[in-house]
């Protein structure tokens, strides 16, 4: 999403509105946990503060992630507030070219930071947690399980 900064520069406006949708390119999804992402809605404003620009936007959308237990698709909605200061002297990847600022890198960075480590599908609890020679051990069941080979050692320990 490119923002035209000419109104801020030429007309001495304090802020201009930013509104629209951003479609995240599929090549950005490579090497991430995100399978798909809906178009991201962007609303907010950008303001001019001497030699830097202040970006205040809210982004919303839905990302599709893999369930940690079943690997099924799970919809994960996000709602992120972005407050970013873009300065001309800062060393960042944003460039103002012909009074236009592309904010897609900022949006993508905030989406990546807000990807959860794992998600569970609503029906994941119904899935089997037993297999051939293995079972899922939770914190509650871990306390109950005592190895029968070590059970006899209790007789030798005096409390």
Protein backbone atom coordinates (compact mmCIF):
# COMPACT_ATOMS: atom_id res chain seq x y z
CA UNK A 1 0.00 0.00 0.00
CA UNK A 2 1.53 3.25 -1.11
CA UNK A 3 0.65 6.54 0.55
CA UNK A 4 0.94 9.78 -1.40
CA UNK A 5 2.71 12.29 0.87
CA UNK A 6 2.30 15.33 -1.41
CA UNK A 7 -0.68 16.64 0.55
CA UNK A 8 1.37 16.61 3.74
CA UNK A 9 4.34 18.29 2.09
CA UNK A 10 2.76 20.80 -0.30
CA UNK A 11 -0.50 21.75 1.40
CA UNK A 12 0.90 21.90 4.95
CA UNK A 13 -1.73 19.52 6.29
CA UNK A 14 -1.10 17.99 9.70
CA UNK A 15 -2.42 14.54 8.83
CA UNK A 16 -4.02 12.62 6.01
CA UNK A 17 -6.28 9.59 6.30
CA UNK A 18 -5.07 6.12 5.32
CA UNK A 19 -7.77 3.67 4.34
CA UNK A 20 -7.92 0.61 2.12
CA UNK A 21 -7.09 -3.04 1.73
CA UNK A 22 -3.72 -4.69 1.30
CA UNK A 23 -3.33 -8.03 -0.42
CA UNK A 24 -0.28 -9.83 0.95
CA UNK A 25 1.71 -11.44 -1.89
CA UNK A 26 1.99 -15.23 -1.75
CA UNK A 27 5.80 -15.13 -1.89
CA UNK A 28 5.86 -13.40 1.51
CA UNK A 29 4.07 -16.41 3.02
CA UNK A 30 6.99 -18.71 2.18
CA UNK A 31 9.00 -19.82 5.23
CA UNK A 32 6.26 -18.72 7.65
CA UNK A 33 3.60 -20.65 9.56
CA UNK A 34 0.88 -18.75 7.71
CA UNK A 35 -0.84 -20.86 5.06
CA UNK A 36 -3.11 -18.12 3.69
CA UNK A 37 -4.14 -14.63 4.67
CA UNK A 38 -7.23 -12.63 3.83
CA UNK A 39 -6.96 -9.10 2.43
CA UNK A 40 -5.85 -6.88 5.30
CA UNK A 41 -8.07 -3.89 6.06
CA UNK A 42 -6.12 -0.74 6.93
CA UNK A 43 -7.59 2.36 8.54
CA UNK A 44 -5.90 5.28 10.28
CA UNK A 45 -3.80 8.32 9.42
CA UNK A 46 -0.29 9.51 8.76
CA UNK A 47 0.93 12.83 10.13
CA UNK A 48 3.89 15.07 9.45
CA UNK A 49 6.08 15.93 12.41
CA UNK A 50 8.97 18.16 11.29
CA UNK A 51 11.39 15.71 9.60
CA UNK A 52 9.58 12.50 10.36
CA UNK A 53 6.23 10.92 9.68
CA UNK A 54 4.04 9.30 12.28
CA UNK A 55 1.93 6.36 11.12
CA UNK A 56 -1.12 5.47 13.27
CA UNK A 57 -3.13 2.69 11.69
CA UNK A 58 -5.21 -0.31 12.66
CA UNK A 59 -5.02 -3.49 10.59
CA UNK A 60 -7.53 -6.33 10.70
CA UNK A 61 -7.81 -9.60 8.87
CA UNK A 62 -7.74 -13.37 9.18
CA UNK A 63 -4.78 -15.68 8.77
CA UNK A 64 -5.03 -19.42 8.20
CA UNK A 65 -2.62 -21.42 10.36
CA UNK A 66 -2.04 -25.15 10.89
CA UNK A 67 -3.50 -26.78 13.99
CA UNK A 68 -0.69 -27.94 16.28
CA UNK A 69 -2.32 -31.30 16.88
CA UNK A 70 -4.18 -32.20 13.67
CA UNK A 71 -2.55 -29.94 11.02
CA UNK A 72 -6.02 -28.83 9.89
CA UNK A 73 -6.57 -25.25 8.77
CA UNK A 74 -7.49 -22.89 11.63
CA UNK A 75 -8.77 -19.36 11.09
CA UNK A 76 -7.01 -16.89 13.37
CA UNK A 77 -8.39 -13.33 13.28
CA UNK A 78 -6.06 -10.47 14.12
CA UNK A 79 -6.61 -6.84 15.05
CA UNK A 80 -3.35 -4.90 15.39
CA UNK A 81 -2.72 -1.25 16.24
CA UNK A 82 0.41 0.18 14.62
CA UNK A 83 2.10 3.35 15.89
CA UNK A 84 5.31 3.83 13.95
CA UNK A 85 7.60 6.81 13.46
CA UNK A 86 9.28 6.96 10.09
CA UNK A 87 12.23 9.29 10.05
CA UNK A 88 14.40 10.37 7.17
CA UNK A 89 17.60 9.84 9.17
CA UNK A 90 16.69 6.39 10.48
CA UNK A 91 18.27 3.28 9.06
CA UNK A 92 15.25 1.26 7.97
CA UNK A 93 14.03 -0.46 4.84
CA UNK A 94 11.39 2.15 4.09
CA UNK A 95 12.12 4.58 1.32
CA UNK A 96 10.17 7.63 0.28
CA UNK A 97 10.28 7.59 -3.50
CA UNK A 98 8.69 10.50 -5.39
CA UNK A 99 6.75 11.55 -2.27
CA UNK A 100 5.22 8.07 -1.94
CA UNK A 101 5.66 5.79 1.05
CA UNK A 102 5.04 2.04 0.78
CA UNK A 103 3.79 0.79 4.17
CA UNK A 104 3.50 -2.90 3.16
CA UNK A 105 6.82 -3.78 4.93
CA UNK A 106 5.54 -2.27 8.19
CA UNK A 107 2.21 -4.09 7.91
CA UNK A 108 3.92 -7.40 7.13
CA UNK A 109 6.36 -7.00 10.02
CA UNK A 110 3.54 -6.45 12.53
CA UNK A 111 1.57 -9.42 11.16
CA UNK A 112 4.61 -11.70 11.53
CA UNK A 113 5.24 -10.55 15.09
CA UNK A 114 1.62 -11.37 16.01
CA UNK A 115 1.56 -14.92 14.62
CA UNK A 116 0.89 -17.23 17.59
CA UNK A 117 3.32 -20.05 18.32
CA UNK A 118 0.56 -22.63 17.94
CA UNK A 119 -3.18 -22.84 17.55
CA UNK A 120 -5.64 -25.66 18.12
CA UNK A 121 -8.66 -26.38 15.98
CA UNK A 122 -11.96 -26.31 17.88
CA UNK A 123 -12.46 -30.02 17.22
CA UNK A 124 -8.85 -30.98 18.07
CA UNK A 125 -9.81 -32.25 21.54
CA UNK A 126 -11.98 -34.92 19.95
CA UNK A 127 -9.01 -36.38 18.08
CA UNK A 128 -7.35 -39.51 19.40
CA UNK A 129 -4.43 -38.98 21.74
CA UNK A 130 -3.34 -42.63 21.65
CA UNK A 131 -1.25 -44.44 19.10
CA UNK A 132 0.80 -47.57 18.60
CA UNK A 133 3.14 -47.53 21.59
CA UNK A 134 2.54 -43.90 22.54
CA UNK A 135 0.00 -41.68 24.27
CA UNK A 136 -0.32 -38.02 25.06
CA UNK A 137 0.76 -37.18 28.60
CA UNK A 138 -0.70 -34.04 30.12
CA UNK A 139 0.35 -32.38 33.37
CA UNK A 140 -2.52 -34.07 35.23
CA UNK A 141 -1.85 -37.56 33.96
CA UNK A 142 1.92 -37.23 34.41
CA UNK A 143 1.52 -37.19 38.19
CA UNK A 144 -0.60 -40.33 38.22
CA UNK A 145 1.69 -42.52 36.11
CA UNK A 146 4.30 -44.52 38.04
CA UNK A 147 6.58 -46.92 36.23
CA UNK A 148 5.77 -50.42 37.52
CA UNK A 149 9.47 -51.39 37.42
CA UNK A 150 10.22 -48.65 39.94
CA UNK A 151 7.17 -49.36 42.12
CA UNK A 152 9.12 -51.90 44.23
CA UNK A 153 11.74 -49.31 45.12
CA UNK A 154 9.21 -47.64 47.41
CA UNK A 155 9.66 -50.49 49.87
CA UNK A 156 13.37 -49.68 50.32
CA UNK A 157 12.92 -45.96 50.96
CA UNK A 158 12.00 -45.06 54.51
CA UNK A 159 10.42 -41.70 55.06
